[in-house]
């Protein structure tokens, strides 16, 4: 009888536990490739992870040669958050001919379910060679892979569901910093892409001391490890950040002007307007607690208005007639 009760107890506990939908989220599994770069004539790539553009993010592991090793590598010195490996991404690189971005993308083990809440987290650390830090690190979820084969790696103009808090600059070159958040799935999302989805004009940066190899890196480069996407098994979704009732937007639908009225938010707010394809159409700061947005020049259809503060995000559908 005790054994039966123990089995039921274990089944109940396991049912309440959520599974990480990111394959190889800890960056420990890798493939070998032939290369002239390393002295051992091989380099490693993380299994399941890839670049959606022509940019070249790196994978680093203690099993690789010193240029791509852990903890020592060509961008600095850092132990893994867990295990022996992690990835490396350039979020802001000062190239003369392009707004260079590096992204890493993964196919989830299952599609997200509409109306369900998902918790997302990953850990980042600023590489020693970086001369800048940024607060623009985000995770975008899409039904299909994000993909761009432009010769010069572009900024992926897509609306991420999870973003680092605005103003929280990721400056530490010694510690791992956690980025986390929750969102309600639209349904069918199967791919996650990590990186900076803002162009240079809208990327916030600050200068940082050090820079272990400033002749090689001119920007903000980060190590990333232990990525997780899990179904929230707790009851209720009313506390998700973008559902907070502190912003009123009217009229809905509209033919020209919409009014954005902020109720008691004593912080800087950013307004962003996206079309249904996730392309950014407008971005600006709110200069007062009540502002109007003119949609006269936009086509009829559905748009997404995103309002971001220091500690919350609000997303609202807007219909233009």
C-alpha atoms as a PDB file:
ATOM      1  CA  UNK A   1       0.000   0.000   0.000  1.00  0.00           C
ATOM      2  CA  UNK A   2       2.848   2.390   0.832  1.00  0.00           C
ATOM      3  CA  UNK A   3       4.418   1.697  -2.571  1.00  0.00           C
ATOM      4  CA  UNK A   4       1.136   2.510  -4.346  1.00  0.00           C
ATOM      5  CA  UNK A   5       0.774   5.768  -2.421  1.00  0.00           C
ATOM      6  CA  UNK A   6       4.395   6.653  -3.230  1.00  0.00           C
ATOM      7  CA  UNK A   7       3.814   6.034  -6.948  1.00  0.00           C
ATOM      8  CA  UNK A   8       0.710   8.266  -6.964  1.00  0.00           C
ATOM      9  CA  UNK A   9       2.601  10.945  -5.070  1.00  0.00           C
ATOM     10  CA  UNK A  10       5.471  10.864  -7.585  1.00  0.00           C
ATOM     11  CA  UNK A  11       3.045  11.006 -10.512  1.00  0.00           C
ATOM     12  CA  UNK A  12       1.334  14.043  -8.950  1.00  0.00           C
ATOM     13  CA  UNK A  13       4.650  15.821  -8.396  1.00  0.00           C
ATOM     14  CA  UNK A  14       5.932  15.044 -11.891  1.00  0.00           C
ATOM     15  CA  UNK A  15       2.672  16.261 -13.428  1.00  0.00           C
ATOM     16  CA  UNK A  16       3.198  19.624 -11.726  1.00  0.00           C
ATOM     17  CA  UNK A  17       6.751  19.907 -12.992  1.00  0.00           C
ATOM     18  CA  UNK A  18       7.242  21.712 -16.284  1.00  0.00           C
ATOM     19  CA  UNK A  19       9.567  20.492 -19.017  1.00  0.00           C
ATOM     20  CA  UNK A  20      12.117  22.716 -20.735  1.00  0.00           C
ATOM     21  CA  UNK A  21      11.037  23.006 -24.386  1.00  0.00           C
ATOM     22  CA  UNK A  22      14.516  24.133 -25.516  1.00  0.00           C
ATOM     23  CA  UNK A  23      16.621  21.228 -26.784  1.00  0.00           C
ATOM     24  CA  UNK A  24      20.219  21.551 -25.623  1.00  0.00           C
ATOM     25  CA  UNK A  25      19.300  24.634 -23.631  1.00  0.00           C
ATOM     26  CA  UNK A  26      22.375  24.121 -21.453  1.00  0.00           C
ATOM     27  CA  UNK A  27      24.652  24.299 -24.540  1.00  0.00           C
ATOM     28  CA  UNK A  28      26.471  21.095 -23.569  1.00  0.00           C
ATOM     29  CA  UNK A  29      25.888  18.997 -26.702  1.00  0.00           C
ATOM     30  CA  UNK A  30      27.948  19.850 -29.769  1.00  0.00           C
ATOM     31  CA  UNK A  31      29.135  18.709 -33.204  1.00  0.00           C
ATOM     32  CA  UNK A  32      32.718  18.630 -34.515  1.00  0.00           C
ATOM     33  CA  UNK A  33      33.727  20.365 -37.759  1.00  0.00           C
ATOM     34  CA  UNK A  34      37.025  20.578 -39.621  1.00  0.00           C
ATOM     35  CA  UNK A  35      38.768  23.964 -39.483  1.00  0.00           C
ATOM     36  CA  UNK A  36      42.149  25.624 -40.000  1.00  0.00           C
ATOM     37  CA  UNK A  37      41.436  28.072 -37.190  1.00  0.00           C
ATOM     38  CA  UNK A  38      42.085  25.740 -34.267  1.00  0.00           C
ATOM     39  CA  UNK A  39      45.342  23.928 -33.688  1.00  0.00           C
ATOM     40  CA  UNK A  40      43.433  20.644 -33.319  1.00  0.00           C
ATOM     41  CA  UNK A  41      41.889  21.275 -36.784  1.00  0.00           C
ATOM     42  CA  UNK A  42      38.309  21.145 -35.465  1.00  0.00           C
ATOM     43  CA  UNK A  43      35.762  23.602 -34.181  1.00  0.00           C
ATOM     44  CA  UNK A  44      32.487  22.965 -32.408  1.00  0.00           C
ATOM     45  CA  UNK A  45      28.875  24.037 -32.928  1.00  0.00           C
ATOM     46  CA  UNK A  46      26.040  23.633 -30.427  1.00  0.00           C
ATOM     47  CA  UNK A  47      23.541  20.951 -31.413  1.00  0.00           C
ATOM     48  CA  UNK A  48      20.074  22.243 -32.350  1.00  0.00           C
ATOM     49  CA  UNK A  49      21.237  25.894 -32.446  1.00  0.00           C
ATOM     50  CA  UNK A  50      21.996  27.857 -35.635  1.00  0.00           C
ATOM     51  CA  UNK A  51      22.241  31.366 -37.055  1.00  0.00           C
ATOM     52  CA  UNK A  52      19.147  32.602 -38.959  1.00  0.00           C
ATOM     53  CA  UNK A  53      21.281  35.140 -40.885  1.00  0.00           C
ATOM     54  CA  UNK A  54      24.715  35.235 -42.517  1.00  0.00           C
ATOM     55  CA  UNK A  55      26.223  36.476 -39.228  1.00  0.00           C
ATOM     56  CA  UNK A  56      28.484  34.087 -37.347  1.00  0.00           C
ATOM     57  CA  UNK A  57      27.798  33.644 -33.618  1.00  0.00           C
ATOM     58  CA  UNK A  58      30.290  31.298 -31.929  1.00  0.00           C
ATOM     59  CA  UNK A  59      30.097  28.243 -29.729  1.00  0.00           C
ATOM     60  CA  UNK A  60      32.694  27.816 -26.988  1.00  0.00           C
ATOM     61  CA  UNK A  61      33.467  24.707 -24.942  1.00  0.00           C
ATOM     62  CA  UNK A  62      36.245  23.455 -22.679  1.00  0.00           C
ATOM     63  CA  UNK A  63      36.783  20.629 -25.212  1.00  0.00           C
ATOM     64  CA  UNK A  64      37.707  23.085 -27.966  1.00  0.00           C
ATOM     65  CA  UNK A  65      41.034  24.799 -28.726  1.00  0.00           C
ATOM     66  CA  UNK A  66      42.113  27.863 -26.750  1.00  0.00           C
ATOM     67  CA  UNK A  67      40.580  30.412 -29.174  1.00  0.00           C
ATOM     68  CA  UNK A  68      37.131  28.889 -28.608  1.00  0.00           C
ATOM     69  CA  UNK A  69      37.709  27.363 -25.216  1.00  0.00           C
ATOM     70  CA  UNK A  70      36.124  27.704 -21.787  1.00  0.00           C
ATOM     71  CA  UNK A  71      37.002  29.556 -19.650  1.00  0.00           C
ATOM     72  CA  UNK A  72      39.700  31.157 -21.873  1.00  0.00           C
ATOM     73  CA  UNK A  73      38.768  32.204 -25.416  1.00  0.00           C
ATOM     74  CA  UNK A  74      39.407  34.955 -27.966  1.00  0.00           C
ATOM     75  CA  UNK A  75      36.850  37.302 -26.350  1.00  0.00           C
ATOM     76  CA  UNK A  76      37.816  36.900 -22.717  1.00  0.00           C
ATOM     77  CA  UNK A  77      37.705  34.609 -19.722  1.00  0.00           C
ATOM     78  CA  UNK A  78      34.507  33.161 -18.289  1.00  0.00           C
ATOM     79  CA  UNK A  79      33.450  29.826 -16.823  1.00  0.00           C
ATOM     80  CA  UNK A  80      30.140  28.383 -18.041  1.00  0.00           C
ATOM     81  CA  UNK A  81      27.043  29.153 -16.003  1.00  0.00           C
ATOM     82  CA  UNK A  82      26.670  25.388 -15.813  1.00  0.00           C
ATOM     83  CA  UNK A  83      28.671  22.585 -17.414  1.00  0.00           C
ATOM     84  CA  UNK A  84      31.398  23.242 -19.975  1.00  0.00           C
ATOM     85  CA  UNK A  85      29.922  25.225 -22.882  1.00  0.00           C
ATOM     86  CA  UNK A  86      28.098  28.376 -23.946  1.00  0.00           C
ATOM     87  CA  UNK A  87      27.406  30.475 -27.029  1.00  0.00           C
ATOM     88  CA  UNK A  88      28.743  33.931 -27.967  1.00  0.00           C
ATOM     89  CA  UNK A  89      26.694  36.708 -29.626  1.00  0.00           C
ATOM     90  CA  UNK A  90      27.443  40.198 -30.858  1.00  0.00           C
ATOM     91  CA  UNK A  91      24.469  42.406 -29.987  1.00  0.00           C
ATOM     92  CA  UNK A  92      26.009  45.686 -31.086  1.00  0.00           C
ATOM     93  CA  UNK A  93      29.086  45.808 -33.323  1.00  0.00           C
ATOM     94  CA  UNK A  94      30.465  49.034 -34.797  1.00  0.00           C
ATOM     95  CA  UNK A  95      30.955  47.998 -38.403  1.00  0.00           C
ATOM     96  CA  UNK A  96      31.217  50.779 -41.014  1.00  0.00           C
ATOM     97  CA  UNK A  97      28.949  49.195 -43.639  1.00  0.00           C
ATOM     98  CA  UNK A  98      26.212  47.438 -41.678  1.00  0.00           C
ATOM     99  CA  UNK A  99      24.298  47.341 -38.408  1.00  0.00           C
ATOM    100  CA  UNK A 100      25.784  43.960 -37.591  1.00  0.00           C
ATOM    101  CA  UNK A 101      23.785  41.648 -35.336  1.00  0.00           C
ATOM    102  CA  UNK A 102      24.276  38.027 -34.341  1.00  0.00           C
ATOM    103  CA  UNK A 103      21.283  35.839 -33.495  1.00  0.00           C
ATOM    104  CA  UNK A 104      20.923  32.248 -32.381  1.00  0.00           C
ATOM    105  CA  UNK A 105      17.781  30.290 -33.177  1.00  0.00           C
ATOM    106  CA  UNK A 106      16.387  26.945 -32.011  1.00  0.00           C
ATOM    107  CA  UNK A 107      13.363  24.804 -32.855  1.00  0.00           C
ATOM    108  CA  UNK A 108      11.414  23.991 -29.694  1.00  0.00           C
ATOM    109  CA  UNK A 109      10.522  20.395 -28.892  1.00  0.00           C
ATOM    110  CA  UNK A 110       6.826  21.256 -29.131  1.00  0.00           C
ATOM    111  CA  UNK A 111       4.642  24.090 -30.405  1.00  0.00           C
ATOM    112  CA  UNK A 112       3.266  26.537 -27.854  1.00  0.00           C
ATOM    113  CA  UNK A 113      -0.411  26.326 -26.957  1.00  0.00           C
ATOM    114  CA  UNK A 114      -2.694  29.301 -27.512  1.00  0.00           C
ATOM    115  CA  UNK A 115      -3.726  31.051 -24.303  1.00  0.00           C
ATOM    116  CA  UNK A 116      -1.124  29.304 -22.169  1.00  0.00           C
ATOM    117  CA  UNK A 117       1.456  31.183 -20.130  1.00  0.00           C
ATOM    118  CA  UNK A 118       5.137  30.360 -20.679  1.00  0.00           C
ATOM    119  CA  UNK A 119       8.114  31.280 -18.529  1.00  0.00           C
ATOM    120  CA  UNK A 120      11.353  32.119 -20.329  1.00  0.00           C
ATOM    121  CA  UNK A 121      14.839  32.577 -18.884  1.00  0.00           C
ATOM    122  CA  UNK A 122      18.484  32.639 -19.973  1.00  0.00           C
ATOM    123  CA  UNK A 123      21.796  33.799 -18.525  1.00  0.00           C
ATOM    124  CA  UNK A 124      24.270  36.219 -20.124  1.00  0.00           C
ATOM    125  CA  UNK A 125      27.696  37.646 -19.283  1.00  0.00           C
ATOM    126  CA  UNK A 126      29.478  40.519 -21.036  1.00  0.00           C
ATOM    127  CA  UNK A 127      32.692  39.382 -22.778  1.00  0.00           C
ATOM    128  CA  UNK A 128      35.939  40.990 -21.551  1.00  0.00           C
ATOM    129  CA  UNK A 129      36.715  42.413 -25.005  1.00  0.00           C
ATOM    130  CA  UNK A 130      33.504  44.444 -25.090  1.00  0.00           C
ATOM    131  CA  UNK A 131      33.827  48.223 -24.919  1.00  0.00           C
ATOM    132  CA  UNK A 132      30.066  48.726 -24.540  1.00  0.00           C
ATOM    133  CA  UNK A 133      27.136  47.157 -22.700  1.00  0.00           C
ATOM    134  CA  UNK A 134      23.480  47.227 -23.739  1.00  0.00           C
ATOM    135  CA  UNK A 135      20.064  46.602 -22.231  1.00  0.00           C
ATOM    136  CA  UNK A 136      18.663  45.316 -25.542  1.00  0.00           C
ATOM    137  CA  UNK A 137      18.602  41.526 -25.233  1.00  0.00           C
ATOM    138  CA  UNK A 138      15.391  39.724 -26.167  1.00  0.00           C
ATOM    139  CA  UNK A 139      13.701  36.456 -27.155  1.00  0.00           C
ATOM    140  CA  UNK A 140      11.324  36.275 -30.118  1.00  0.00           C
ATOM    141  CA  UNK A 141       8.940  33.377 -30.715  1.00  0.00           C
ATOM    142  CA  UNK A 142       7.556  32.613 -34.183  1.00  0.00           C
ATOM    143  CA  UNK A 143       5.567  29.892 -35.932  1.00  0.00           C
ATOM    144  CA  UNK A 144       8.180  29.680 -38.687  1.00  0.00           C
ATOM    145  CA  UNK A 145      11.952  30.190 -38.591  1.00  0.00           C
ATOM    146  CA  UNK A 146      13.190  33.777 -38.872  1.00  0.00           C
ATOM    147  CA  UNK A 147      15.490  33.825 -41.872  1.00  0.00           C
ATOM    148  CA  UNK A 148      17.493  36.410 -43.846  1.00  0.00           C
ATOM    149  CA  UNK A 149      20.329  35.615 -46.266  1.00  0.00           C
ATOM    150  CA  UNK A 150      21.441  39.181 -47.016  1.00  0.00           C
ATOM    151  CA  UNK A 151      25.181  39.437 -47.677  1.00  0.00           C
ATOM    152  CA  UNK A 152      25.523  41.985 -44.860  1.00  0.00           C
ATOM    153  CA  UNK A 153      23.881  40.490 -41.752  1.00  0.00           C
ATOM    154  CA  UNK A 154      20.756  42.564 -41.071  1.00  0.00           C
ATOM    155  CA  UNK A 155      18.795  43.560 -37.993  1.00  0.00           C
ATOM    156  CA  UNK A 156      15.858  41.154 -37.744  1.00  0.00           C
ATOM    157  CA  UNK A 157      12.887  43.513 -37.579  1.00  0.00           C
ATOM    158  CA  UNK A 158      10.642  41.361 -35.406  1.00  0.00           C
ATOM    159  CA  UNK A 159       8.677  41.976 -32.208  1.00  0.00           C
ATOM    160  CA  UNK A 160      10.121  39.908 -29.318  1.00  0.00           C
ATOM    161  CA  UNK A 161       7.792  38.628 -26.629  1.00  0.00           C
ATOM    162  CA  UNK A 162      10.460  38.660 -23.893  1.00  0.00           C
ATOM    163  CA  UNK A 163      12.846  41.596 -23.399  1.00  0.00           C
ATOM    164  CA  UNK A 164      15.385  42.599 -20.813  1.00  0.00           C
ATOM    165  CA  UNK A 165      14.077  45.465 -18.658  1.00  0.00           C
ATOM    166  CA  UNK A 166      14.690  48.853 -20.277  1.00  0.00           C
ATOM    167  CA  UNK A 167      17.516  50.646 -18.461  1.00  0.00           C
ATOM    168  CA  UNK A 168      18.894  47.453 -16.920  1.00  0.00           C
ATOM    169  CA  UNK A 169      22.272  47.552 -18.670  1.00  0.00           C
ATOM    170  CA  UNK A 170      23.987  44.165 -18.738  1.00  0.00           C
ATOM    171  CA  UNK A 171      27.432  45.331 -17.630  1.00  0.00           C
ATOM    172  CA  UNK A 172      29.002  42.498 -15.646  1.00  0.00           C
ATOM    173  CA  UNK A 173      32.069  40.785 -17.111  1.00  0.00           C
ATOM    174  CA  UNK A 174      32.425  38.509 -14.088  1.00  0.00           C
ATOM    175  CA  UNK A 175      28.897  37.392 -13.167  1.00  0.00           C
ATOM    176  CA  UNK A 176      26.102  35.694 -15.068  1.00  0.00           C
ATOM    177  CA  UNK A 177      23.010  37.924 -15.330  1.00  0.00           C
ATOM    178  CA  UNK A 178      19.550  36.365 -15.618  1.00  0.00           C
ATOM    179  CA  UNK A 179      17.026  37.611 -18.177  1.00  0.00           C
ATOM    180  CA  UNK A 180      13.521  36.276 -17.627  1.00  0.00           C
ATOM    181  CA  UNK A 181       9.880  36.961 -18.302  1.00  0.00           C
ATOM    182  CA  UNK A 182       6.502  35.422 -19.095  1.00  0.00           C
ATOM    183  CA  UNK A 183       4.063  35.739 -21.980  1.00  0.00           C
ATOM    184  CA  UNK A 184       0.808  34.294 -23.274  1.00  0.00           C
ATOM    185  CA  UNK A 185       1.269  32.257 -26.452  1.00  0.00           C
ATOM    186  CA  UNK A 186      -0.795  33.113 -29.524  1.00  0.00           C
ATOM    187  CA  UNK A 187      -0.526  29.430 -30.465  1.00  0.00           C
ATOM    188  CA  UNK A 188       1.723  27.513 -32.857  1.00  0.00           C
ATOM    189  CA  UNK A 189       5.010  29.211 -31.941  1.00  0.00           C
ATOM    190  CA  UNK A 190       7.733  26.622 -32.606  1.00  0.00           C
ATOM    191  CA  UNK A 191      10.939  28.672 -32.965  1.00  0.00           C
ATOM    192  CA  UNK A 192      12.821  30.916 -30.555  1.00  0.00           C
ATOM    193  CA  UNK A 193      15.391  33.508 -31.648  1.00  0.00           C
ATOM    194  CA  UNK A 194      17.691  35.322 -29.204  1.00  0.00           C
ATOM    195  CA  UNK A 195      19.442  38.629 -29.862  1.00  0.00           C
ATOM    196  CA  UNK A 196      18.974  42.384 -30.299  1.00  0.00           C
ATOM    197  CA  UNK A 197      16.030  43.289 -32.545  1.00  0.00           C
ATOM    198  CA  UNK A 198      16.636  47.063 -32.523  1.00  0.00           C
ATOM    199  CA  UNK A 199      18.630  49.032 -35.080  1.00  0.00           C
ATOM    200  CA  UNK A 200      21.598  51.150 -33.962  1.00  0.00           C
ATOM    201  CA  UNK A 201      19.476  54.286 -33.576  1.00  0.00           C
ATOM    202  CA  UNK A 202      17.242  52.491 -31.066  1.00  0.00           C
ATOM    203  CA  UNK A 203      19.878  50.396 -29.297  1.00  0.00           C
ATOM    204  CA  UNK A 204      20.811  51.742 -25.880  1.00  0.00           C
ATOM    205  CA  UNK A 205      24.496  51.368 -24.982  1.00  0.00           C
ATOM    206  CA  UNK A 206      26.891  52.587 -22.313  1.00  0.00           C
ATOM    207  CA  UNK A 207      30.689  52.491 -22.314  1.00  0.00           C
ATOM    208  CA  UNK A 208      32.315  49.983 -19.955  1.00  0.00           C
ATOM    209  CA  UNK A 209      35.835  49.781 -18.594  1.00  0.00           C
ATOM    210  CA  UNK A 210      38.384  47.224 -19.698  1.00  0.00           C
ATOM    211  CA  UNK A 211      38.143  45.656 -23.113  1.00  0.00           C
ATOM    212  CA  UNK A 212      40.530  42.730 -23.214  1.00  0.00           C
ATOM    213  CA  UNK A 213      40.987  42.897 -26.981  1.00  0.00           C
ATOM    214  CA  UNK A 214      39.668  46.258 -28.238  1.00  0.00           C
ATOM    215  CA  UNK A 215      41.484  45.817 -31.564  1.00  0.00           C
ATOM    216  CA  UNK A 216      39.168  42.883 -32.320  1.00  0.00           C
ATOM    217  CA  UNK A 217      35.827  43.807 -30.753  1.00  0.00           C
ATOM    218  CA  UNK A 218      34.158  47.216 -31.040  1.00  0.00           C
ATOM    219  CA  UNK A 219      30.830  46.737 -29.367  1.00  0.00           C
ATOM    220  CA  UNK A 220      28.757  44.671 -26.951  1.00  0.00           C
ATOM    221  CA  UNK A 221      29.423  40.919 -27.120  1.00  0.00           C
ATOM    222  CA  UNK A 222      27.827  38.432 -24.714  1.00  0.00           C
ATOM    223  CA  UNK A 223      28.199  34.841 -23.593  1.00  0.00           C
ATOM    224  CA  UNK A 224      24.837  33.058 -23.223  1.00  0.00           C
ATOM    225  CA  UNK A 225      24.001  29.850 -21.373  1.00  0.00           C
ATOM    226  CA  UNK A 226      21.166  27.809 -19.801  1.00  0.00           C
ATOM    227  CA  UNK A 227      18.171  28.814 -21.939  1.00  0.00           C
ATOM    228  CA  UNK A 228      14.753  27.675 -20.745  1.00  0.00           C
ATOM    229  CA  UNK A 229      11.139  27.862 -21.989  1.00  0.00           C
ATOM    230  CA  UNK A 230       8.607  26.178 -19.726  1.00  0.00           C
ATOM    231  CA  UNK A 231       4.830  26.012 -19.503  1.00  0.00           C
ATOM    232  CA  UNK A 232       3.627  27.811 -16.384  1.00  0.00           C
ATOM    233  CA  UNK A 233       1.742  25.174 -14.400  1.00  0.00           C
ATOM    234  CA  UNK A 234       0.404  27.605 -11.775  1.00  0.00           C
ATOM    235  CA  UNK A 235      -3.244  28.626 -11.903  1.00  0.00           C
ATOM    236  CA  UNK A 236      -4.290  31.887 -13.539  1.00  0.00           C
ATOM    237  CA  UNK A 237      -2.589  34.297 -15.912  1.00  0.00           C
ATOM    238  CA  UNK A 238      -3.947  37.581 -14.622  1.00  0.00           C
ATOM    239  CA  UNK A 239      -0.565  38.778 -13.341  1.00  0.00           C
ATOM    240  CA  UNK A 240       1.287  38.646 -16.647  1.00  0.00           C
ATOM    241  CA  UNK A 241       3.046  42.009 -17.042  1.00  0.00           C
ATOM    242  CA  UNK A 242       1.424  43.137 -20.257  1.00  0.00           C
ATOM    243  CA  UNK A 243      -2.080  42.556 -18.863  1.00  0.00           C
ATOM    244  CA  UNK A 244      -1.708  45.175 -16.112  1.00  0.00           C
ATOM    245  CA  UNK A 245      -4.628  47.674 -16.346  1.00  0.00           C
ATOM    246  CA  UNK A 246      -2.551  50.836 -16.119  1.00  0.00           C
ATOM    247  CA  UNK A 247      -2.853  52.092 -19.736  1.00  0.00           C
ATOM    248  CA  UNK A 248      -6.029  53.007 -21.645  1.00  0.00           C
ATOM    249  CA  UNK A 249      -6.028  53.162 -25.459  1.00  0.00           C
ATOM    250  CA  UNK A 250      -9.039  54.459 -27.411  1.00  0.00           C
ATOM    251  CA  UNK A 251     -11.004  54.580 -29.681  1.00  0.00           C
ATOM    252  CA  UNK A 252     -11.048  51.038 -30.966  1.00  0.00           C
ATOM    253  CA  UNK A 253     -11.283  50.687 -33.937  1.00  0.00           C
ATOM    254  CA  UNK A 254     -10.002  53.982 -35.301  1.00  0.00           C
ATOM    255  CA  UNK A 255      -9.808  55.758 -38.659  1.00  0.00           C
ATOM    256  CA  UNK A 256      -7.080  58.239 -37.793  1.00  0.00           C
ATOM    257  CA  UNK A 257      -6.101  59.084 -34.189  1.00  0.00           C
ATOM    258  CA  UNK A 258      -5.769  56.855 -31.153  1.00  0.00           C
ATOM    259  CA  UNK A 259      -5.273  58.226 -27.667  1.00  0.00           C
ATOM    260  CA  UNK A 260      -2.842  56.634 -25.213  1.00  0.00           C
ATOM    261  CA  UNK A 261      -3.630  57.499 -21.601  1.00  0.00           C
ATOM    262  CA  UNK A 262      -1.202  56.331 -18.886  1.00  0.00           C
ATOM    263  CA  UNK A 263      -2.634  55.999 -15.387  1.00  0.00           C
ATOM    264  CA  UNK A 264      -0.028  56.769 -12.739  1.00  0.00           C
ATOM    265  CA  UNK A 265       3.131  55.387 -14.369  1.00  0.00           C
ATOM    266  CA  UNK A 266       6.023  57.530 -13.089  1.00  0.00           C
ATOM    267  CA  UNK A 267       8.680  56.279 -15.508  1.00  0.00           C
ATOM    268  CA  UNK A 268       9.860  56.725 -19.075  1.00  0.00           C
ATOM    269  CA  UNK A 269       7.680  54.903 -21.607  1.00  0.00           C
ATOM    270  CA  UNK A 270       8.515  53.809 -25.148  1.00  0.00           C
ATOM    271  CA  UNK A 271       5.793  53.460 -27.822  1.00  0.00           C
ATOM    272  CA  UNK A 272       6.312  51.002 -30.682  1.00  0.00           C
ATOM    273  CA  UNK A 273       3.899  50.218 -33.534  1.00  0.00           C
ATOM    274  CA  UNK A 274       4.173  46.942 -35.476  1.00  0.00           C
ATOM    275  CA  UNK A 275       2.244  45.541 -38.420  1.00  0.00           C
ATOM    276  CA  UNK A 276       0.780  42.029 -38.381  1.00  0.00           C
ATOM    277  CA  UNK A 277       4.025  40.636 -39.865  1.00  0.00           C
ATOM    278  CA  UNK A 278       5.939  41.887 -36.829  1.00  0.00           C
ATOM    279  CA  UNK A 279       7.728  44.725 -38.680  1.00  0.00           C
ATOM    280  CA  UNK A 280       8.497  47.841 -36.644  1.00  0.00           C
ATOM    281  CA  UNK A 281       6.741  50.882 -38.146  1.00  0.00           C
ATOM    282  CA  UNK A 282       7.217  53.527 -35.460  1.00  0.00           C
ATOM    283  CA  UNK A 283       9.163  53.975 -32.229  1.00  0.00           C
ATOM    284  CA  UNK A 284       9.265  57.012 -29.921  1.00  0.00           C
ATOM    285  CA  UNK A 285       9.265  58.094 -26.298  1.00  0.00           C
ATOM    286  CA  UNK A 286       6.074  59.251 -24.600  1.00  0.00           C
ATOM    287  CA  UNK A 287       6.536  62.881 -23.617  1.00  0.00           C
ATOM    288  CA  UNK A 288       3.410  63.131 -21.466  1.00  0.00           C
ATOM    289  CA  UNK A 289       0.890  60.919 -19.672  1.00  0.00           C
ATOM    290  CA  UNK A 290      -1.628  61.418 -22.485  1.00  0.00           C
ATOM    291  CA  UNK A 291      -0.625  61.337 -26.135  1.00  0.00           C
ATOM    292  CA  UNK A 292      -2.198  60.792 -29.515  1.00  0.00           C
ATOM    293  CA  UNK A 293      -0.878  58.619 -32.320  1.00  0.00           C
ATOM    294  CA  UNK A 294      -1.854  59.524 -35.901  1.00  0.00           C
ATOM    295  CA  UNK A 295      -2.561  56.458 -38.097  1.00  0.00           C
ATOM    296  CA  UNK A 296      -3.906  58.452 -41.050  1.00  0.00           C
ATOM    297  CA  UNK A 297      -1.105  57.394 -43.380  1.00  0.00           C
ATOM    298  CA  UNK A 298      -1.345  53.694 -42.561  1.00  0.00           C
ATOM    299  CA  UNK A 299      -3.326  51.063 -44.455  1.00  0.00           C
ATOM    300  CA  UNK A 300      -6.477  49.504 -43.041  1.00  0.00           C
ATOM    301  CA  UNK A 301      -5.880  46.425 -40.949  1.00  0.00           C
ATOM    302  CA  UNK A 302      -4.587  45.054 -37.667  1.00  0.00           C
ATOM    303  CA  UNK A 303      -1.576  46.523 -35.838  1.00  0.00           C
ATOM    304  CA  UNK A 304       0.150  45.828 -32.541  1.00  0.00           C
ATOM    305  CA  UNK A 305       0.956  48.688 -30.187  1.00  0.00           C
ATOM    306  CA  UNK A 306       3.699  47.927 -27.641  1.00  0.00           C
ATOM    307  CA  UNK A 307       4.328  50.193 -24.657  1.00  0.00           C
ATOM    308  CA  UNK A 308       7.454  49.464 -22.618  1.00  0.00           C
ATOM    309  CA  UNK A 309       8.370  50.844 -19.211  1.00  0.00           C
ATOM    310  CA  UNK A 310      11.109  50.115 -16.743  1.00  0.00           C
ATOM    311  CA  UNK A 311       9.287  47.192 -15.154  1.00  0.00           C
ATOM    312  CA  UNK A 312       6.425  46.252 -17.467  1.00  0.00           C
ATOM    313  CA  UNK A 313       5.352  45.740 -21.075  1.00  0.00           C
ATOM    314  CA  UNK A 314       1.837  46.275 -22.436  1.00  0.00           C
ATOM    315  CA  UNK A 315       0.807  44.974 -25.879  1.00  0.00           C
ATOM    316  CA  UNK A 316      -2.520  45.989 -27.421  1.00  0.00           C
ATOM    317  CA  UNK A 317      -4.075  45.157 -30.793  1.00  0.00           C
ATOM    318  CA  UNK A 318      -5.152  48.228 -32.782  1.00  0.00           C
ATOM    319  CA  UNK A 319      -7.612  48.077 -35.674  1.00  0.00           C
ATOM    320  CA  UNK A 320      -7.395  50.735 -38.400  1.00  0.00           C
ATOM    321  CA  UNK A 321     -10.584  51.126 -40.458  1.00  0.00           C
END
